[in-house]
Amino acid sequence: AIEELAGMTILCSDKTGTLTQNKMTFAELLYDGRIWRTAFVEEDKKAGYSPVDPDDPTFRVFHRAMCLNTTARFVPGDIFGVATSGKAPIPPKPFFSVEKGFPTINWNTKGDASESSIIKFAQFMHPDARAALNEDDEEAIMEIHDKDLIVHDRREFPAAIGGEIPFNSGNKYHLKITENRGNKDTPFTVWMKGAPERITNRCSHHIVAGKRVELLDTDRAEIDRLRNELMGKGRRVLAFAMHDMPADTLPAV
């Protein structure tokens, strides 16, 4: 209780639940030289961030990385909320929303807070989930949100045997290699996520408008500037990277 803290000089509060519930909220993304706002945070008119467009070609690459290069999982059968009648599904809503609904931050997961926030956002923005919500079909919504779409994608692009380096405090990154079954030209993809300084220094290119372009020094400087802007807002910032491995570069077995 507050009255038991005695000599407290500073009280930190966090309406997104990071401190009070050990739950993190996926707030913004940085790509295409801009910061984009997710539906999980209220609009900051002063910052002027545009909402994420789920059909943006760069975001689609980002979304694939969030699905495949994460380890957290949803608790089976507990992704979706059901009305008290036990029949009608409750549409998922952003955490801050004043509308009636089931806050996505309350989806139960197995994994640390950072990983959990990523897959909650990825599930919420998944093309299959959004298609069901747009149809406003209760049966379709229940069918989609009764299953873990992230696991579905991971099964489609399974991890290569021995192709993973777990995150640790020394490396400050997580690496995973997935199989691209049926793709003879690039049979594997390497995915990385972690501290921005550990990821961007390994990159020669970045994705702009859905296309791979050279990462220039001016681009790095702008990325650092925008990253610092997010960190100044108290955000924890992670960087994502990928590399498709051409078949002719793989060692002979």
Protein backbone atom coordinates (compact mmCIF):
# COMPACT_ATOMS: atom_id res chain seq x y z
CA ALA A 1 0.00 0.00 0.00
CA ILE A 2 1.10 3.57 -0.70
CA GLU A 3 0.99 4.53 2.99
CA GLU A 4 3.59 1.84 3.75
CA LEU A 5 6.24 3.37 1.44
CA ALA A 6 7.23 5.95 4.07
CA GLY A 7 10.18 7.97 2.68
CA MET A 8 9.12 7.88 -0.95
CA THR A 9 10.30 10.87 -3.01
CA ILE A 10 9.18 9.79 -6.52
CA LEU A 11 6.13 7.78 -7.58
CA CYS A 12 6.22 6.29 -11.09
CA SER A 13 2.94 5.31 -12.71
CA ASP A 14 2.27 3.70 -16.06
CA LYS A 15 -1.22 3.43 -17.51
CA THR A 16 -0.12 0.81 -20.06
CA GLY A 17 0.48 -1.77 -17.32
CA THR A 18 4.26 -2.19 -17.65
CA LEU A 19 4.93 -1.46 -13.98
CA THR A 20 1.67 -2.57 -12.40
CA GLN A 21 1.01 -5.78 -14.33
CA ASN A 22 4.34 -6.63 -16.01
CA LYS A 23 2.57 -6.13 -19.32
CA MET A 24 4.04 -4.10 -22.15
CA THR A 25 2.20 -2.34 -24.96
CA PHE A 26 3.40 -2.18 -28.56
CA ALA A 27 3.21 1.58 -29.10
CA GLU A 28 5.06 2.66 -32.27
CA LEU A 29 7.06 1.36 -35.23
CA LEU A 30 9.91 3.03 -37.09
CA TYR A 31 10.26 2.30 -40.80
CA ASP A 32 10.36 4.11 -44.15
CA GLY A 33 12.04 7.04 -42.39
CA ARG A 34 9.04 7.73 -40.14
CA ILE A 35 7.52 6.78 -36.81
CA TRP A 36 4.10 5.15 -37.03
CA ARG A 37 1.51 4.85 -34.26
CA THR A 38 -0.19 1.55 -33.46
CA ALA A 39 -3.83 1.25 -32.42
CA PHE A 40 -2.62 0.32 -28.94
CA VAL A 41 -1.85 3.88 -27.82
CA GLU A 42 -3.82 7.08 -27.86
CA GLU A 43 -3.07 9.60 -30.59
CA ASP A 44 -0.43 12.15 -29.69
CA LYS A 45 -1.44 15.13 -31.83
CA LYS A 46 1.73 16.99 -30.94
CA ALA A 47 3.92 14.14 -32.22
CA GLY A 48 1.80 13.78 -35.35
CA TYR A 49 2.48 10.07 -35.91
CA SER A 50 0.33 8.48 -38.62
CA PRO A 51 -1.46 5.20 -37.83
CA VAL A 52 0.11 1.98 -39.09
CA ASP A 53 -1.29 0.86 -42.44
CA PRO A 54 -1.63 -2.96 -42.38
CA ASP A 55 -1.41 -3.04 -46.19
CA ASP A 56 1.85 -1.10 -46.34
CA PRO A 57 4.47 -3.30 -48.09
CA THR A 58 7.19 -2.49 -45.56
CA PHE A 59 4.87 -3.20 -42.65
CA ARG A 60 4.04 -6.61 -44.15
CA VAL A 61 7.75 -7.51 -43.99
CA PHE A 62 7.88 -6.17 -40.44
CA HIS A 63 4.83 -8.26 -39.52
CA ARG A 64 6.43 -11.42 -40.88
CA ALA A 65 9.49 -10.74 -38.71
CA MET A 66 7.31 -10.28 -35.62
CA CYS A 67 5.57 -13.59 -36.23
CA LEU A 68 8.64 -15.68 -37.02
CA ASN A 69 11.37 -14.16 -34.85
CA THR A 70 9.59 -14.38 -31.51
CA THR A 71 9.30 -17.12 -28.92
CA ALA A 72 6.25 -16.13 -26.85
CA ARG A 73 3.01 -18.05 -27.32
CA PHE A 74 -0.63 -17.53 -26.47
CA VAL A 75 -2.24 -19.68 -23.80
CA PRO A 76 -4.39 -22.18 -25.78
CA GLY A 77 -8.07 -21.32 -25.81
CA ASP A 78 -7.59 -18.03 -24.01
CA ILE A 79 -6.87 -15.55 -26.80
CA PHE A 80 -10.39 -14.31 -27.26
CA GLY A 81 -13.04 -12.94 -24.91
CA VAL A 82 -16.56 -14.32 -24.94
CA ALA A 83 -19.69 -12.47 -23.82
CA THR A 84 -21.31 -13.43 -20.53
CA SER A 85 -23.98 -15.26 -22.49
CA GLY A 86 -21.26 -17.65 -23.63
CA LYS A 87 -22.26 -17.23 -27.25
CA ALA A 88 -21.25 -13.95 -28.86
CA PRO A 89 -17.49 -13.22 -29.21
CA ILE A 90 -16.28 -9.86 -27.94
CA PRO A 91 -14.26 -8.00 -30.59
CA PRO A 92 -10.67 -7.31 -29.51
CA LYS A 93 -10.00 -3.66 -28.78
CA PRO A 94 -6.88 -1.58 -28.18
CA PHE A 95 -5.99 -1.34 -24.52
CA PHE A 96 -6.85 2.34 -24.15
CA SER A 97 -10.17 2.15 -26.04
CA VAL A 98 -13.33 3.47 -24.38
CA GLU A 99 -15.39 1.14 -26.57
CA LYS A 100 -16.70 -2.08 -25.12
CA GLY A 101 -14.47 -4.98 -25.99
CA PHE A 102 -11.75 -7.32 -24.81
CA PRO A 103 -8.41 -5.45 -24.44
CA THR A 104 -5.71 -7.22 -26.40
CA ILE A 105 -3.22 -6.51 -23.62
CA ASN A 106 -5.21 -9.00 -21.51
CA TRP A 107 -4.64 -11.89 -23.91
CA ASN A 108 -2.74 -14.48 -21.87
CA THR A 109 0.69 -15.45 -23.13
CA LYS A 110 3.69 -17.55 -22.17
CA GLY A 111 6.88 -15.54 -22.57
CA ASP A 112 8.49 -12.36 -21.32
CA ALA A 113 6.71 -9.02 -21.45
CA SER A 114 8.53 -7.72 -24.54
CA GLU A 115 7.91 -10.85 -26.60
CA SER A 116 4.31 -11.00 -25.46
CA SER A 117 3.63 -7.41 -26.53
CA ILE A 118 5.02 -8.20 -29.98
CA ILE A 119 2.84 -11.25 -30.64
CA LYS A 120 -0.29 -9.52 -29.28
CA PHE A 121 0.23 -6.74 -31.80
CA ALA A 122 1.09 -9.23 -34.57
CA GLN A 123 -2.04 -11.28 -33.85
CA PHE A 124 -4.21 -8.14 -33.77
CA MET A 125 -2.76 -6.96 -37.11
CA HIS A 126 -2.65 -10.39 -38.78
CA PRO A 127 -4.29 -10.33 -42.25
CA ASP A 128 -6.53 -13.30 -41.38
CA ALA A 129 -7.73 -11.66 -38.17
CA ARG A 130 -8.41 -8.30 -39.79
CA ALA A 131 -10.33 -9.91 -42.63
CA ALA A 132 -12.66 -11.56 -40.11
CA LEU A 133 -13.15 -8.32 -38.19
CA ASN A 134 -13.89 -6.37 -41.36
CA GLU A 135 -16.56 -8.90 -42.30
CA ASP A 136 -18.20 -8.34 -38.88
CA ASP A 137 -19.11 -12.02 -38.90
CA GLU A 138 -19.35 -13.39 -35.36
CA GLU A 139 -18.60 -16.97 -36.40
CA ALA A 140 -15.62 -15.89 -38.52
CA ILE A 141 -14.28 -13.72 -35.69
CA MET A 142 -14.57 -16.53 -33.17
CA GLU A 143 -12.94 -19.03 -35.54
CA ILE A 144 -9.98 -16.77 -36.27
CA HIS A 145 -9.40 -15.54 -32.73
CA ASP A 146 -9.84 -18.95 -31.17
CA LYS A 147 -6.49 -20.00 -32.65
CA ASP A 148 -2.93 -18.77 -32.45
CA LEU A 149 -2.20 -17.24 -35.86
CA ILE A 150 1.42 -16.69 -34.87
CA VAL A 151 1.98 -20.41 -34.32
CA HIS A 152 0.25 -21.06 -37.65
CA ASP A 153 2.82 -18.87 -39.43
CA ARG A 154 5.70 -20.46 -37.53
CA ARG A 155 4.58 -23.90 -38.68
CA GLU A 156 4.47 -22.68 -42.28
CA PHE A 157 8.07 -21.40 -41.93
CA PRO A 158 9.60 -23.74 -39.31
CA ALA A 159 12.85 -23.07 -37.51
CA ALA A 160 15.88 -24.80 -38.99
CA ILE A 161 17.43 -27.47 -36.79
CA GLY A 162 20.06 -25.84 -34.61
CA GLY A 163 19.32 -22.46 -36.19
CA GLU A 164 18.68 -20.33 -33.14
CA ILE A 165 20.71 -18.18 -30.74
CA PRO A 166 18.58 -17.17 -27.74
CA PHE A 167 18.72 -13.61 -26.45
CA ASN A 168 21.29 -13.03 -23.71
CA SER A 169 22.75 -10.00 -21.97
CA GLY A 170 26.08 -10.43 -23.76
CA ASN A 171 24.86 -10.60 -27.36
CA LYS A 172 21.77 -8.43 -26.79
CA TYR A 173 20.07 -10.03 -29.77
CA HIS A 174 17.98 -13.07 -30.70
CA LEU A 175 18.76 -14.91 -33.94
CA LYS A 176 16.60 -17.47 -35.68
CA ILE A 177 16.88 -19.26 -39.04
CA THR A 178 13.66 -20.43 -40.68
CA GLU A 179 13.06 -22.75 -43.61
CA ASN A 180 11.41 -21.49 -46.78
CA ARG A 181 10.02 -24.83 -47.89
CA GLY A 182 9.55 -25.09 -51.62
CA ASN A 183 11.84 -22.13 -52.34
CA LYS A 184 14.93 -23.54 -54.03
CA ASP A 185 16.52 -20.12 -54.64
CA THR A 186 16.47 -18.95 -50.99
CA PRO A 187 15.76 -22.02 -48.84
CA PHE A 188 16.50 -20.26 -45.54
CA THR A 189 16.00 -16.82 -43.95
CA VAL A 190 17.99 -15.43 -41.03
CA TRP A 191 16.03 -13.23 -38.62
CA MET A 192 17.49 -11.03 -35.89
CA LYS A 193 16.03 -8.71 -33.29
CA GLY A 194 17.59 -6.93 -30.36
CA ALA A 195 19.32 -3.76 -29.25
CA PRO A 196 19.35 -1.35 -32.21
CA GLU A 197 23.10 -0.76 -32.02
CA ARG A 198 23.70 -4.52 -32.27
CA ILE A 199 21.38 -4.93 -35.26
CA THR A 200 21.82 -1.87 -37.49
CA ASN A 201 25.62 -2.19 -37.46
CA ARG A 202 25.20 -5.56 -39.18
CA CYS A 203 22.94 -4.19 -41.91
CA SER A 204 23.99 -3.01 -45.37
CA HIS A 205 20.44 -2.46 -46.64
CA HIS A 206 16.99 -1.64 -45.30
CA ILE A 207 13.41 -2.01 -46.51
CA VAL A 208 11.81 1.11 -47.99
CA ALA A 209 8.36 0.97 -49.59
CA GLY A 210 8.65 -2.81 -49.49
CA LYS A 211 11.92 -2.90 -51.43
CA ARG A 212 15.50 -3.62 -50.36
CA VAL A 213 17.68 -0.51 -50.76
CA GLU A 214 21.17 0.41 -49.62
CA LEU A 215 21.45 1.76 -46.08
CA LEU A 216 23.43 5.00 -46.36
CA ASP A 217 25.13 6.93 -43.58
CA THR A 218 22.40 9.57 -43.84
CA ASP A 219 19.79 6.84 -43.34
CA ARG A 220 21.60 5.56 -40.25
CA ALA A 221 21.75 9.07 -38.81
CA GLU A 222 18.01 9.57 -39.36
CA ILE A 223 17.19 6.18 -37.84
CA ASP A 224 19.30 7.08 -34.79
CA ARG A 225 17.52 10.43 -34.49
CA LEU A 226 14.07 8.83 -34.59
CA ARG A 227 15.16 6.06 -32.25
CA ASN A 228 16.33 8.65 -29.73
CA GLU A 229 12.97 10.39 -30.10
CA LEU A 230 11.22 7.18 -29.08
CA MET A 231 13.63 6.56 -26.23
CA GLY A 232 12.98 10.09 -25.04
CA LYS A 233 9.32 9.07 -24.67
CA GLY A 234 10.36 6.22 -22.39
CA ARG A 235 9.97 3.52 -25.04
CA ARG A 236 11.97 0.32 -25.09
CA VAL A 237 13.25 0.10 -28.67
CA LEU A 238 14.07 -3.12 -30.52
CA ALA A 239 15.41 -3.45 -34.05
CA PHE A 240 14.53 -6.24 -36.51
CA ALA A 241 16.60 -7.55 -39.41
CA MET A 242 16.41 -10.35 -41.97
CA HIS A 243 18.59 -11.96 -44.64
CA ASP A 244 17.43 -14.41 -47.30
CA MET A 245 20.13 -17.03 -47.80
CA PRO A 246 20.65 -17.92 -51.50
CA ALA A 247 21.09 -21.64 -52.12
CA ASP A 248 24.49 -21.13 -53.77
CA THR A 249 25.91 -19.57 -50.58
CA LEU A 250 25.07 -22.52 -48.34
CA PRO A 251 27.90 -24.86 -47.31
CA ALA A 252 27.94 -28.27 -48.93
CA VAL A 253 26.62 -31.08 -46.76
